[in-house]
Amino acid sequence: MSAAILLAALAAVPAAALAQGRPSTLDMTCGQARSFLAARGAAVLGTGGTTYDRFVRDRSFCEPTQVTKNAFVPTRDTPECLVGYRCIEPGRDWFGDDE
């Protein structure tokens, strides 16, 4: 009996973690979203519906081969808030024409 209870408790842990979700920029003002990211350095943020991305405060949170690109997200008070950056692999497109 106690083994069944233990098994049920262990099965509930991943379900609870999934239920937590991720912070959504749509629930924050632009200032709150910027502060949230600045305090953590890097975070996965929901940007509406089922879309999400990883955003960083600066390049130190990227892989050594990556560079940063400005990241604009929708927030509660503005449709395009410069929240921080996204890490990207640099390509041959030096002028940003192939985006």
C-alpha atoms as a PDB file:
ATOM      1  CA  MET A   1       0.000   0.000   0.000  1.00  0.00           C
ATOM      2  CA  SER A   2       2.744   2.490   0.933  1.00  0.00           C
ATOM      3  CA  ALA A   3       4.566   1.663  -2.310  1.00  0.00           C
ATOM      4  CA  ALA A   4       1.461   2.647  -4.277  1.00  0.00           C
ATOM      5  CA  ILE A   5       1.246   5.953  -2.411  1.00  0.00           C
ATOM      6  CA  LEU A   6       4.924   6.634  -3.045  1.00  0.00           C
ATOM      7  CA  LEU A   7       4.526   5.814  -6.734  1.00  0.00           C
ATOM      8  CA  ALA A   8       1.507   8.126  -7.016  1.00  0.00           C
ATOM      9  CA  ALA A   9       3.406  10.934  -5.287  1.00  0.00           C
ATOM     10  CA  LEU A  10       6.397  10.547  -7.611  1.00  0.00           C
ATOM     11  CA  ALA A  11       4.119  10.550 -10.660  1.00  0.00           C
ATOM     12  CA  ALA A  12       2.520  13.811  -9.494  1.00  0.00           C
ATOM     13  CA  VAL A  13       5.835  15.711  -9.321  1.00  0.00           C
ATOM     14  CA  PRO A  14       6.365  16.047 -13.106  1.00  0.00           C
ATOM     15  CA  ALA A  15       2.698  16.943 -13.564  1.00  0.00           C
ATOM     16  CA  ALA A  16       3.037  19.742 -11.019  1.00  0.00           C
ATOM     17  CA  ALA A  17       6.139  21.040 -12.772  1.00  0.00           C
ATOM     18  CA  LEU A  18       4.320  21.101 -16.106  1.00  0.00           C
ATOM     19  CA  ALA A  19       1.354  22.910 -14.593  1.00  0.00           C
ATOM     20  CA  GLN A  20       3.559  25.808 -13.483  1.00  0.00           C
ATOM     21  CA  GLY A  21       3.999  27.056 -17.035  1.00  0.00           C
ATOM     22  CA  ARG A  22       6.316  29.845 -18.036  1.00  0.00           C
ATOM     23  CA  PRO A  23       6.010  33.569 -17.393  1.00  0.00           C
ATOM     24  CA  SER A  24       4.181  35.386 -20.175  1.00  0.00           C
ATOM     25  CA  THR A  25       5.222  38.803 -21.415  1.00  0.00           C
ATOM     26  CA  LEU A  26       1.546  39.534 -22.094  1.00  0.00           C
ATOM     27  CA  ASP A  27       0.909  39.490 -18.334  1.00  0.00           C
ATOM     28  CA  MET A  28       3.675  42.051 -17.679  1.00  0.00           C
ATOM     29  CA  THR A  29       4.257  45.681 -18.537  1.00  0.00           C
ATOM     30  CA  CYS A  30       7.328  46.422 -20.634  1.00  0.00           C
ATOM     31  CA  GLY A  31       9.198  47.598 -17.540  1.00  0.00           C
ATOM     32  CA  GLN A  32       8.276  44.471 -15.602  1.00  0.00           C
ATOM     33  CA  ALA A  33       9.425  42.203 -18.437  1.00  0.00           C
ATOM     34  CA  ARG A  34      12.747  44.047 -18.706  1.00  0.00           C
ATOM     35  CA  SER A  35      13.260  43.906 -14.923  1.00  0.00           C
ATOM     36  CA  PHE A  36      12.350  40.203 -14.836  1.00  0.00           C
ATOM     37  CA  LEU A  37      14.998  39.403 -17.427  1.00  0.00           C
ATOM     38  CA  ALA A  38      17.591  41.750 -15.923  1.00  0.00           C
ATOM     39  CA  ALA A  39      17.238  40.067 -12.530  1.00  0.00           C
ATOM     40  CA  ARG A  40      17.619  36.537 -13.911  1.00  0.00           C
ATOM     41  CA  GLY A  41      20.056  37.055 -16.766  1.00  0.00           C
ATOM     42  CA  ALA A  42      18.271  34.552 -18.993  1.00  0.00           C
ATOM     43  CA  ALA A  43      14.725  33.217 -19.111  1.00  0.00           C
ATOM     44  CA  VAL A  44      12.275  31.386 -21.319  1.00  0.00           C
ATOM     45  CA  LEU A  45       9.256  33.658 -21.674  1.00  0.00           C
ATOM     46  CA  GLY A  46       5.907  33.039 -23.292  1.00  0.00           C
ATOM     47  CA  THR A  47       5.060  35.676 -25.886  1.00  0.00           C
ATOM     48  CA  GLY A  48       1.439  34.815 -26.611  1.00  0.00           C
ATOM     49  CA  GLY A  49      -0.516  31.625 -27.217  1.00  0.00           C
ATOM     50  CA  THR A  50       1.896  28.724 -27.485  1.00  0.00           C
ATOM     51  CA  THR A  51       4.873  30.816 -28.630  1.00  0.00           C
ATOM     52  CA  TYR A  52       7.930  31.276 -26.448  1.00  0.00           C
ATOM     53  CA  ASP A  53      11.632  31.971 -26.733  1.00  0.00           C
ATOM     54  CA  ARG A  54      14.757  32.244 -24.617  1.00  0.00           C
ATOM     55  CA  PHE A  55      15.818  35.799 -23.890  1.00  0.00           C
ATOM     56  CA  VAL A  56      19.046  37.025 -22.323  1.00  0.00           C
ATOM     57  CA  ARG A  57      20.272  40.143 -20.548  1.00  0.00           C
ATOM     58  CA  ASP A  58      23.602  40.177 -22.402  1.00  0.00           C
ATOM     59  CA  ARG A  59      25.968  38.040 -24.459  1.00  0.00           C
ATOM     60  CA  SER A  60      27.469  36.378 -21.390  1.00  0.00           C
ATOM     61  CA  PHE A  61      24.357  34.156 -21.313  1.00  0.00           C
ATOM     62  CA  CYS A  62      24.928  32.913 -24.886  1.00  0.00           C
ATOM     63  CA  GLU A  63      27.126  30.112 -26.162  1.00  0.00           C
ATOM     64  CA  PRO A  64      30.686  31.221 -27.070  1.00  0.00           C
ATOM     65  CA  THR A  65      29.930  31.027 -30.807  1.00  0.00           C
ATOM     66  CA  GLN A  66      26.728  33.070 -30.569  1.00  0.00           C
ATOM     67  CA  VAL A  67      26.025  36.788 -30.791  1.00  0.00           C
ATOM     68  CA  THR A  68      23.042  38.770 -29.537  1.00  0.00           C
ATOM     69  CA  LYS A  69      20.179  40.283 -31.468  1.00  0.00           C
ATOM     70  CA  ASN A  70      17.628  42.755 -30.083  1.00  0.00           C
ATOM     71  CA  ALA A  71      14.475  40.988 -28.917  1.00  0.00           C
ATOM     72  CA  PHE A  72      11.146  42.773 -29.135  1.00  0.00           C
ATOM     73  CA  VAL A  73       8.112  41.131 -27.500  1.00  0.00           C
ATOM     74  CA  PRO A  74       4.485  42.095 -26.947  1.00  0.00           C
ATOM     75  CA  THR A  75       3.676  43.141 -23.380  1.00  0.00           C
ATOM     76  CA  ARG A  76       0.555  44.279 -21.592  1.00  0.00           C
ATOM     77  CA  ASP A  77       1.231  47.953 -22.358  1.00  0.00           C
ATOM     78  CA  THR A  78       3.064  47.894 -25.703  1.00  0.00           C
ATOM     79  CA  PRO A  79       3.102  45.685 -28.813  1.00  0.00           C
ATOM     80  CA  GLU A  80       6.914  45.891 -29.196  1.00  0.00           C
ATOM     81  CA  CYS A  81       8.986  46.062 -26.023  1.00  0.00           C
ATOM     82  CA  LEU A  82      12.784  45.736 -26.232  1.00  0.00           C
ATOM     83  CA  VAL A  83      13.016  43.157 -23.455  1.00  0.00           C
ATOM     84  CA  GLY A  84      16.638  42.170 -24.009  1.00  0.00           C
ATOM     85  CA  TYR A  85      18.322  39.939 -26.554  1.00  0.00           C
ATOM     86  CA  ARG A  86      18.146  36.554 -28.246  1.00  0.00           C
ATOM     87  CA  CYS A  87      21.253  34.454 -28.834  1.00  0.00           C
ATOM     88  CA  ILE A  88      21.821  33.591 -32.483  1.00  0.00           C
ATOM     89  CA  GLU A  89      24.531  31.919 -34.521  1.00  0.00           C
ATOM     90  CA  PRO A  90      26.093  34.510 -36.818  1.00  0.00           C
ATOM     91  CA  GLY A  91      25.731  33.714 -40.471  1.00  0.00           C
ATOM     92  CA  ARG A  92      26.921  35.115 -43.746  1.00  0.00           C
ATOM     93  CA  ASP A  93      24.173  37.745 -43.754  1.00  0.00           C
ATOM     94  CA  TRP A  94      26.213  40.657 -42.380  1.00  0.00           C
ATOM     95  CA  PHE A  95      23.603  43.278 -43.310  1.00  0.00           C
ATOM     96  CA  GLY A  96      20.477  41.488 -42.041  1.00  0.00           C
ATOM     97  CA  ASP A  97      18.867  41.167 -45.472  1.00  0.00           C
ATOM     98  CA  ASP A  98      18.088  37.440 -45.262  1.00  0.00           C
ATOM     99  CA  GLU A  99      15.956  37.439 -42.121  1.00  0.00           C
END
